[in-house]
């Protein structure tokens, strides 16, 4: 999330902790950023490791519901690391971008 995202990312973290699919099929933790552009900058990162029973659609729906509950609908960036090590970065800042992100994630291994 861009800008002063501390309270926003904490809210998303709490929201995801309450999602039944995340509780059943995922491991949600706080992580540190390894983005070389932000070295030395404190960045909050949510890490979600999921089983094959959890779909990109479930994550997108959870993010969409959370964004809809916020007065300013914050921009969310999703980084997906596939089993082959490839990385996909998706911008989920609008409903259209989120839908596109889901399609891209569901094509990944």
N, C-alpha and C. Protein backbone atom coordinates (compact mmCIF):
# COMPACT_ATOMS: atom_id res chain seq x y z
N UNK A 1 0.84 -1.17 0.00
CA UNK A 1 0.00 0.00 0.00
C UNK A 1 0.89 1.24 0.00
N UNK A 2 0.46 2.23 -0.73
CA UNK A 2 1.26 3.45 -0.85
C UNK A 2 0.93 4.42 0.27
N UNK A 3 1.85 5.34 0.53
CA UNK A 3 1.60 6.38 1.52
C UNK A 3 1.76 5.87 2.94
N UNK A 4 1.09 6.52 3.89
CA UNK A 4 1.14 6.14 5.29
C UNK A 4 0.23 4.93 5.49
N UNK A 5 0.78 3.76 5.23
CA UNK A 5 -0.03 2.55 5.16
C UNK A 5 -0.09 1.77 6.46
N UNK A 6 0.62 2.17 7.50
CA UNK A 6 0.66 1.39 8.73
C UNK A 6 -0.71 0.98 9.25
N UNK A 7 -1.61 1.94 9.51
CA UNK A 7 -2.93 1.57 9.98
C UNK A 7 -3.75 0.78 8.95
N UNK A 8 -3.55 1.09 7.67
CA UNK A 8 -4.29 0.39 6.62
C UNK A 8 -3.87 -1.07 6.53
N UNK A 9 -2.57 -1.31 6.54
CA UNK A 9 -2.09 -2.68 6.41
C UNK A 9 -2.44 -3.50 7.66
N UNK A 10 -2.44 -2.86 8.82
CA UNK A 10 -2.86 -3.55 10.04
C UNK A 10 -4.33 -3.93 9.94
N UNK A 11 -5.14 -3.05 9.37
CA UNK A 11 -6.56 -3.34 9.18
C UNK A 11 -6.75 -4.51 8.21
N UNK A 12 -6.00 -4.50 7.10
CA UNK A 12 -6.10 -5.61 6.14
C UNK A 12 -5.65 -6.91 6.79
N UNK A 13 -4.60 -6.87 7.58
CA UNK A 13 -4.11 -8.06 8.27
C UNK A 13 -5.20 -8.64 9.17
N UNK A 14 -5.85 -7.76 9.96
CA UNK A 14 -6.94 -8.23 10.84
C UNK A 14 -8.09 -8.80 10.01
N UNK A 15 -8.41 -8.15 8.90
CA UNK A 15 -9.50 -8.61 8.03
C UNK A 15 -9.20 -10.01 7.50
N UNK A 16 -7.97 -10.20 7.01
CA UNK A 16 -7.60 -11.51 6.48
C UNK A 16 -7.58 -12.58 7.56
N UNK A 17 -7.19 -12.22 8.78
CA UNK A 17 -7.21 -13.19 9.88
C UNK A 17 -8.61 -13.70 10.16
N UNK A 18 -9.62 -12.88 9.86
CA UNK A 18 -11.01 -13.26 10.10
C UNK A 18 -11.65 -13.96 8.91
N UNK A 19 -10.95 -14.07 7.80
CA UNK A 19 -11.49 -14.74 6.62
C UNK A 19 -11.43 -16.26 6.82
N UNK A 20 -12.55 -16.95 6.73
CA UNK A 20 -12.55 -18.41 6.94
C UNK A 20 -11.59 -19.16 6.02
N UNK A 21 -11.50 -18.77 4.76
CA UNK A 21 -10.63 -19.47 3.82
C UNK A 21 -9.16 -19.29 4.19
N UNK A 22 -8.80 -18.12 4.67
CA UNK A 22 -7.42 -17.88 5.10
C UNK A 22 -7.12 -18.72 6.33
N UNK A 23 -8.03 -18.74 7.28
CA UNK A 23 -7.80 -19.53 8.50
C UNK A 23 -7.68 -21.02 8.16
N UNK A 24 -8.49 -21.49 7.21
CA UNK A 24 -8.50 -22.93 6.89
C UNK A 24 -7.34 -23.35 6.00
N UNK A 25 -6.92 -22.46 5.08
CA UNK A 25 -5.96 -22.89 4.06
C UNK A 25 -4.72 -22.02 3.95
N UNK A 26 -4.51 -21.13 4.91
CA UNK A 26 -3.37 -20.24 4.78
C UNK A 26 -2.64 -20.02 6.08
N UNK A 27 -1.44 -19.48 5.94
CA UNK A 27 -0.64 -19.08 7.10
C UNK A 27 -0.30 -17.61 6.89
N UNK A 28 -0.91 -16.75 7.69
CA UNK A 28 -0.77 -15.31 7.56
C UNK A 28 0.22 -14.82 8.60
N UNK A 29 1.26 -14.13 8.14
CA UNK A 29 2.28 -13.61 9.05
C UNK A 29 2.73 -12.23 8.60
N UNK A 30 3.41 -11.53 9.51
CA UNK A 30 4.09 -10.28 9.15
C UNK A 30 5.44 -10.67 8.60
N UNK A 31 5.92 -9.94 7.60
CA UNK A 31 7.22 -10.23 7.00
C UNK A 31 7.96 -8.92 6.78
N UNK A 32 9.20 -9.02 6.36
CA UNK A 32 9.96 -7.81 6.03
C UNK A 32 10.10 -7.74 4.51
N UNK A 33 10.26 -6.53 4.02
CA UNK A 33 10.40 -6.32 2.59
C UNK A 33 11.83 -6.59 2.17
N UNK A 34 11.99 -7.29 1.05
CA UNK A 34 13.32 -7.48 0.48
C UNK A 34 13.47 -6.69 -0.82
N UNK A 35 12.62 -5.69 -0.99
CA UNK A 35 12.63 -4.83 -2.16
C UNK A 35 13.86 -3.92 -2.09
N UNK A 36 14.80 -4.04 -3.04
CA UNK A 36 16.01 -3.21 -2.99
C UNK A 36 15.73 -1.71 -3.09
N UNK A 37 14.61 -1.33 -3.66
CA UNK A 37 14.26 0.10 -3.76
C UNK A 37 13.93 0.70 -2.40
N UNK A 38 13.58 -0.15 -1.44
CA UNK A 38 13.14 0.35 -0.13
C UNK A 38 14.05 -0.10 1.00
N UNK A 39 15.29 -0.43 0.70
CA UNK A 39 16.21 -0.86 1.75
C UNK A 39 16.40 0.28 2.75
N UNK A 40 16.35 -0.06 4.00
CA UNK A 40 16.51 0.92 5.06
C UNK A 40 15.22 1.63 5.42
N UNK A 41 14.15 1.39 4.67
CA UNK A 41 12.86 2.01 4.95
C UNK A 41 11.98 0.96 5.62
N UNK A 42 11.34 1.34 6.72
CA UNK A 42 10.47 0.41 7.42
C UNK A 42 9.19 0.22 6.60
N UNK A 43 8.96 -0.99 6.15
CA UNK A 43 7.78 -1.31 5.35
C UNK A 43 7.09 -2.50 6.00
N UNK A 44 5.79 -2.38 6.20
CA UNK A 44 5.01 -3.51 6.71
C UNK A 44 4.59 -4.37 5.53
N UNK A 45 4.80 -5.66 5.66
CA UNK A 45 4.46 -6.61 4.61
C UNK A 45 3.66 -7.74 5.25
N UNK A 46 2.57 -8.09 4.60
CA UNK A 46 1.79 -9.26 5.02
C UNK A 46 2.20 -10.42 4.13
N UNK A 47 2.55 -11.52 4.74
CA UNK A 47 2.90 -12.72 3.98
C UNK A 47 1.78 -13.74 4.17
N UNK A 48 1.30 -14.28 3.07
CA UNK A 48 0.24 -15.29 3.12
C UNK A 48 0.70 -16.50 2.33
N UNK A 49 0.96 -17.59 3.02
CA UNK A 49 1.32 -18.85 2.38
C UNK A 49 0.07 -19.70 2.41
N UNK A 50 -0.32 -20.22 1.24
CA UNK A 50 -1.58 -20.94 1.15
C UNK A 50 -1.40 -22.33 0.58
N UNK A 51 -2.37 -23.18 0.86
CA UNK A 51 -2.40 -24.52 0.27
C UNK A 51 -3.07 -24.43 -1.09
N UNK A 52 -3.05 -25.52 -1.80
CA UNK A 52 -3.68 -25.55 -3.13
C UNK A 52 -5.20 -25.41 -3.04
N UNK A 53 -5.76 -25.57 -1.86
CA UNK A 53 -7.21 -25.44 -1.69
C UNK A 53 -7.65 -23.97 -1.63
N UNK A 54 -6.70 -23.05 -1.60
CA UNK A 54 -7.01 -21.62 -1.53
C UNK A 54 -6.77 -21.02 -2.90
N UNK A 55 -7.75 -20.31 -3.43
CA UNK A 55 -7.61 -19.78 -4.78
C UNK A 55 -7.30 -18.30 -4.78
N UNK A 56 -6.78 -17.84 -5.90
CA UNK A 56 -6.53 -16.41 -6.09
C UNK A 56 -7.84 -15.65 -5.98
N UNK A 57 -8.91 -16.26 -6.44
CA UNK A 57 -10.23 -15.62 -6.36
C UNK A 57 -10.65 -15.36 -4.92
N UNK A 58 -10.35 -16.30 -4.02
CA UNK A 58 -10.69 -16.11 -2.61
C UNK A 58 -9.92 -14.94 -2.02
N UNK A 59 -8.63 -14.83 -2.36
CA UNK A 59 -7.83 -13.72 -1.87
C UNK A 59 -8.35 -12.40 -2.44
N UNK A 60 -8.63 -12.38 -3.73
CA UNK A 60 -9.13 -11.17 -4.37
C UNK A 60 -10.45 -10.73 -3.77
N UNK A 61 -11.32 -11.68 -3.50
CA UNK A 61 -12.62 -11.36 -2.90
C UNK A 61 -12.42 -10.78 -1.50
N UNK A 62 -11.52 -11.35 -0.73
CA UNK A 62 -11.25 -10.83 0.62
C UNK A 62 -10.71 -9.40 0.54
N UNK A 63 -9.78 -9.16 -0.38
CA UNK A 63 -9.22 -7.81 -0.54
C UNK A 63 -10.29 -6.84 -1.01
N UNK A 64 -11.12 -7.28 -1.97
CA UNK A 64 -12.18 -6.41 -2.48
C UNK A 64 -13.16 -6.03 -1.38
N UNK A 65 -13.54 -6.98 -0.55
CA UNK A 65 -14.46 -6.69 0.55
C UNK A 65 -13.83 -5.74 1.56
N UNK A 66 -12.55 -5.96 1.85
CA UNK A 66 -11.86 -5.06 2.77
C UNK A 66 -11.80 -3.65 2.19
N UNK A 67 -11.40 -3.54 0.92
CA UNK A 67 -11.31 -2.21 0.28
C UNK A 67 -12.67 -1.51 0.32
N UNK A 68 -13.74 -2.25 0.08
CA UNK A 68 -15.08 -1.66 0.07
C UNK A 68 -15.48 -1.16 1.46
N UNK A 69 -14.89 -1.74 2.50
CA UNK A 69 -15.22 -1.33 3.86
C UNK A 69 -14.46 -0.08 4.30
N UNK A 70 -13.50 0.34 3.52
CA UNK A 70 -12.65 1.48 3.87
C UNK A 70 -13.19 2.74 3.18
N UNK A 71 -13.17 3.87 3.85
CA UNK A 71 -13.70 5.09 3.24
C UNK A 71 -12.89 5.57 2.03
N UNK A 72 -11.60 5.24 1.97
CA UNK A 72 -10.77 5.73 0.87
C UNK A 72 -10.33 4.65 -0.11
N UNK A 73 -10.84 3.43 0.02
CA UNK A 73 -10.48 2.31 -0.87
C UNK A 73 -9.00 2.31 -1.24
N UNK A 74 -8.13 1.98 -0.29
CA UNK A 74 -6.69 2.06 -0.53
C UNK A 74 -6.20 1.17 -1.67
N UNK A 75 -5.10 1.60 -2.25
CA UNK A 75 -4.44 0.82 -3.30
C UNK A 75 -3.73 -0.34 -2.63
N UNK A 76 -3.85 -1.53 -3.20
CA UNK A 76 -3.20 -2.72 -2.67
C UNK A 76 -2.34 -3.33 -3.77
N UNK A 77 -1.11 -3.66 -3.43
CA UNK A 77 -0.20 -4.32 -4.36
C UNK A 77 -0.02 -5.76 -3.86
N UNK A 78 -0.24 -6.72 -4.76
CA UNK A 78 -0.09 -8.14 -4.42
C UNK A 78 1.11 -8.67 -5.19
N UNK A 79 2.04 -9.29 -4.46
CA UNK A 79 3.20 -9.93 -5.08
C UNK A 79 3.04 -11.42 -4.91
N UNK A 80 3.05 -12.14 -6.02
CA UNK A 80 2.89 -13.59 -6.00
C UNK A 80 4.19 -14.24 -6.42
N UNK A 81 4.68 -15.17 -5.60
CA UNK A 81 5.88 -15.93 -5.94
C UNK A 81 5.41 -17.34 -6.27
N UNK A 82 5.57 -17.73 -7.53
CA UNK A 82 5.11 -19.04 -7.99
C UNK A 82 6.05 -20.15 -7.55
N UNK A 83 5.59 -21.38 -7.69
CA UNK A 83 6.39 -22.52 -7.27
C UNK A 83 7.69 -22.63 -8.06
N UNK A 84 7.73 -22.05 -9.27
CA UNK A 84 8.96 -22.08 -10.06
C UNK A 84 9.88 -20.91 -9.76
N UNK A 85 9.50 -20.06 -8.77
CA UNK A 85 10.32 -18.93 -8.37
C UNK A 85 10.01 -17.63 -9.11
N UNK A 86 9.16 -17.70 -10.13
CA UNK A 86 8.83 -16.46 -10.86
C UNK A 86 7.95 -15.58 -9.98
N UNK A 87 8.10 -14.27 -10.17
CA UNK A 87 7.39 -13.29 -9.35
C UNK A 87 6.45 -12.47 -10.23
N UNK A 88 5.21 -12.31 -9.77
CA UNK A 88 4.23 -11.46 -10.45
C UNK A 88 3.78 -10.41 -9.46
N UNK A 89 3.84 -9.14 -9.86
CA UNK A 89 3.39 -8.04 -9.02
C UNK A 89 2.11 -7.49 -9.64
N UNK A 90 1.05 -7.44 -8.84
CA UNK A 90 -0.25 -7.02 -9.33
C UNK A 90 -0.79 -5.85 -8.54
N UNK A 91 -1.35 -4.89 -9.25
CA UNK A 91 -1.94 -3.70 -8.64
C UNK A 91 -3.44 -3.96 -8.50
N UNK A 92 -3.92 -3.92 -7.27
CA UNK A 92 -5.34 -4.16 -7.01
C UNK A 92 -5.99 -2.88 -6.52
N UNK A 93 -5.77 -1.78 -7.27
CA UNK A 93 -6.24 -0.47 -6.82
C UNK A 93 -7.66 -0.15 -7.24
N UNK A 94 -8.19 -0.86 -8.20
CA UNK A 94 -9.57 -0.66 -8.64
C UNK A 94 -10.22 -2.03 -8.79
N UNK A 95 -11.54 -2.09 -8.84
CA UNK A 95 -12.18 -3.40 -9.08
C UNK A 95 -11.72 -4.05 -10.38
N UNK A 96 -11.49 -3.24 -11.41
CA UNK A 96 -11.03 -3.78 -12.68
C UNK A 96 -9.62 -4.35 -12.57
N UNK A 97 -8.74 -3.61 -11.88
CA UNK A 97 -7.37 -4.08 -11.68
C UNK A 97 -7.36 -5.35 -10.85
N UNK A 98 -8.23 -5.42 -9.86
CA UNK A 98 -8.31 -6.61 -9.02
C UNK A 98 -8.77 -7.81 -9.83
N UNK A 99 -9.75 -7.61 -10.70
CA UNK A 99 -10.23 -8.70 -11.56
C UNK A 99 -9.11 -9.19 -12.47
N UNK A 100 -8.37 -8.26 -13.05
CA UNK A 100 -7.24 -8.60 -13.91
C UNK A 100 -6.18 -9.36 -13.12
N UNK A 101 -5.94 -8.92 -11.87
CA UNK A 101 -4.96 -9.58 -11.01
C UNK A 101 -5.36 -11.01 -10.73
N UNK A 102 -6.63 -11.24 -10.49
CA UNK A 102 -7.11 -12.60 -10.23
C UNK A 102 -6.87 -13.49 -11.44
N UNK A 103 -7.22 -12.98 -12.61
CA UNK A 103 -7.00 -13.78 -13.83
C UNK A 103 -5.52 -14.12 -13.99
N UNK A 104 -4.65 -13.16 -13.75
CA UNK A 104 -3.21 -13.40 -13.89
C UNK A 104 -2.71 -14.41 -12.86
N UNK A 105 -3.16 -14.29 -11.62
CA UNK A 105 -2.74 -15.23 -10.58
C UNK A 105 -3.23 -16.65 -10.85
N UNK A 106 -4.44 -16.77 -11.36
CA UNK A 106 -5.00 -18.11 -11.59
C UNK A 106 -4.30 -18.82 -12.74
N UNK A 107 -3.57 -18.09 -13.56
CA UNK A 107 -2.79 -18.70 -14.65
C UNK A 107 -1.43 -19.17 -14.15
N UNK A 108 -1.03 -18.73 -12.96
CA UNK A 108 0.28 -19.09 -12.41
C UNK A 108 0.24 -20.46 -11.77
N UNK A 109 1.39 -21.17 -11.79
CA UNK A 109 1.45 -22.49 -11.11
C UNK A 109 1.46 -22.34 -9.61
